[in-house]
Protein backbone atom coordinates (compact mmCIF):
# COMPACT_ATOMS: atom_id res chain seq x y z
CA MET A 1 0.00 0.00 0.00
CA MET A 2 2.97 2.31 0.40
CA LYS A 3 3.31 2.84 -3.34
CA VAL A 4 -0.44 3.26 -3.76
CA PHE A 5 -0.74 6.02 -1.16
CA VAL A 6 2.45 7.84 -2.14
CA ALA A 7 1.33 7.80 -5.78
CA LEU A 8 -2.28 8.68 -4.96
CA GLY A 9 -1.24 11.53 -2.67
CA SER A 10 1.18 12.84 -5.28
CA ILE A 11 -1.52 12.72 -7.96
CA MET A 12 -3.88 14.56 -5.62
CA ALA A 13 -1.20 17.20 -4.94
CA PHE A 14 -0.62 17.59 -8.68
CA LEU A 15 -4.36 18.03 -9.24
CA GLY A 16 -4.63 20.41 -6.29
CA VAL A 17 -1.98 22.69 -7.78
CA GLY A 18 -3.71 22.50 -11.15
CA VAL A 19 -7.16 23.22 -9.73
CA GLY A 20 -5.74 26.09 -7.70
CA ALA A 21 -4.03 27.65 -10.70
CA PHE A 22 -7.14 27.13 -12.83
CA GLY A 23 -9.23 28.92 -10.22
CA ALA A 24 -6.77 31.77 -9.78
CA HIS A 25 -6.35 32.45 -13.47
CA THR A 26 -9.18 31.05 -15.57
CA LEU A 27 -12.07 31.22 -13.12
CA LYS A 28 -11.11 34.50 -11.45
CA GLY A 29 -13.96 36.42 -13.08
CA VAL A 30 -16.46 33.56 -12.77
CA LEU A 31 -16.07 32.89 -9.04
CA GLY A 32 -16.82 36.40 -7.78
CA ASP A 33 -17.88 36.24 -4.14
CA GLN A 34 -17.37 32.44 -4.19
CA ALA A 35 -13.57 32.73 -4.58
CA ASP A 36 -13.04 32.13 -0.85
CA VAL A 37 -15.09 28.94 -1.03
CA TYR A 38 -12.99 27.71 -3.96
CA GLU A 39 -9.76 28.61 -2.17
CA THR A 40 -10.88 26.70 0.93
CA GLY A 41 -11.39 23.64 -1.26
CA VAL A 42 -7.89 24.00 -2.70
CA HIS A 43 -6.38 24.51 0.76
CA TYR A 44 -7.89 21.35 2.22
CA HIS A 45 -7.19 19.45 -1.00
CA LEU A 46 -3.46 20.19 -0.82
CA ILE A 47 -3.09 19.57 2.91
CA HIS A 48 -4.78 16.20 2.68
CA ALA A 49 -2.84 15.23 -0.46
CA VAL A 50 0.32 15.62 1.62
CA GLY A 51 -1.42 13.63 4.36
CA ILE A 52 -2.01 10.74 1.96
CA VAL A 53 1.68 10.75 1.02
CA LEU A 54 2.55 10.77 4.73
CA ILE A 55 0.25 7.80 5.31
CA GLY A 56 2.01 6.03 2.43
CA ILE A 57 5.25 6.42 4.34
CA LEU A 58 3.74 5.54 7.73
CA VAL A 59 1.98 2.41 6.47
CA GLU A 60 5.37 0.68 6.28
CA LYS A 61 6.08 1.38 9.96
CA PHE A 62 2.48 0.90 11.14
CA PRO A 63 0.97 -1.67 8.77
CA GLY A 64 -2.64 -2.73 9.02
CA ALA A 65 -6.20 -1.94 8.17
CA LEU A 66 -6.40 1.22 10.29
CA MET A 67 -3.66 3.02 8.40
CA ASN A 68 -5.04 1.79 5.07
CA TRP A 69 -8.51 3.07 5.92
CA ALA A 70 -6.97 6.37 7.03
CA GLY A 71 -5.46 6.86 3.59
CA TRP A 72 -8.68 6.02 1.79
CA LEU A 73 -10.70 8.29 4.08
CA LEU A 74 -8.44 11.25 3.33
CA PHE A 75 -8.86 10.53 -0.38
CA ILE A 76 -12.65 10.34 0.00
CA GLY A 77 -12.51 13.55 2.01
CA ILE A 78 -10.74 15.35 -0.83
CA LEU A 79 -13.34 14.14 -3.31
CA LEU A 80 -16.34 15.06 -1.16
CA PHE A 81 -15.13 18.13 0.75
CA SER A 82 -12.98 19.88 -1.81
CA GLY A 83 -14.91 18.55 -4.78
CA SER A 84 -18.22 19.84 -3.45
CA LEU A 85 -16.67 23.25 -2.72
CA TYR A 86 -15.29 23.46 -6.25
CA VAL A 87 -18.63 22.64 -7.83
CA LEU A 88 -20.56 24.83 -5.36
CA SER A 89 -18.35 27.86 -6.03
CA VAL A 90 -18.65 27.55 -9.81
CA THR A 91 -22.33 26.56 -10.12
CA LYS A 92 -23.71 28.42 -7.06
CA VAL A 93 -25.94 25.36 -6.41
CA SER A 94 -26.15 25.65 -2.64
CA VAL A 95 -27.58 22.16 -2.06
CA LEU A 96 -24.07 20.83 -2.80
CA GLY A 97 -23.03 22.36 0.51
CA ALA A 98 -24.74 19.40 2.19
CA ILE A 99 -22.02 17.09 0.85
CA THR A 100 -19.14 19.16 2.23
CA PRO A 101 -19.54 18.09 5.90
CA ILE A 102 -19.46 14.43 4.88
CA GLY A 103 -16.02 15.04 3.40
CA GLY A 104 -15.02 16.88 6.56
CA VAL A 105 -16.06 13.90 8.67
CA ALA A 106 -14.00 11.64 6.37
CA PHE A 107 -10.97 13.88 7.02
CA LEU A 108 -11.53 13.74 10.77
CA ALA A 109 -12.03 9.98 10.78
CA GLY A 110 -8.92 9.45 8.65
CA TRP A 111 -6.72 11.45 11.01
CA LEU A 112 -8.25 9.73 14.02
CA LEU A 113 -7.41 6.35 12.50
CA VAL A 114 -3.80 7.46 12.09
CA VAL A 115 -3.69 8.27 15.80
CA ILE A 116 -5.24 4.93 16.75
CA ALA A 117 -2.95 2.96 14.42
CA VAL A 118 0.15 4.61 15.85
CA MET A 119 -0.97 4.23 19.48
CA LYS A 120 -1.85 0.54 19.00
CA ALA A 121 1.59 -0.25 17.55
């Protein structure tokens, strides 16, 4: 799983930089008052991409299902939290805001699983 999470986290970081640049340059006029929402999505996207890479490194020292689930939960969090903020900020469809907290819970659960995996070792 080490290679999977390091690669997945690196891909997510690559996409986070791309999405951030796209928002800053191409979507600047489109986002208007939603620019902060978009930037929040990028911020959490990049932080958790690095977290996935970190889990890829930690999974070698702390192998097991908890660390694996932690990595997948951070990935799911990026998709749901950041993804919903990206779509919300561009489309202004406010109902998408209901998805964002689910991604936030995935982030929290992922980090909690890292703590548990390390403490159980």
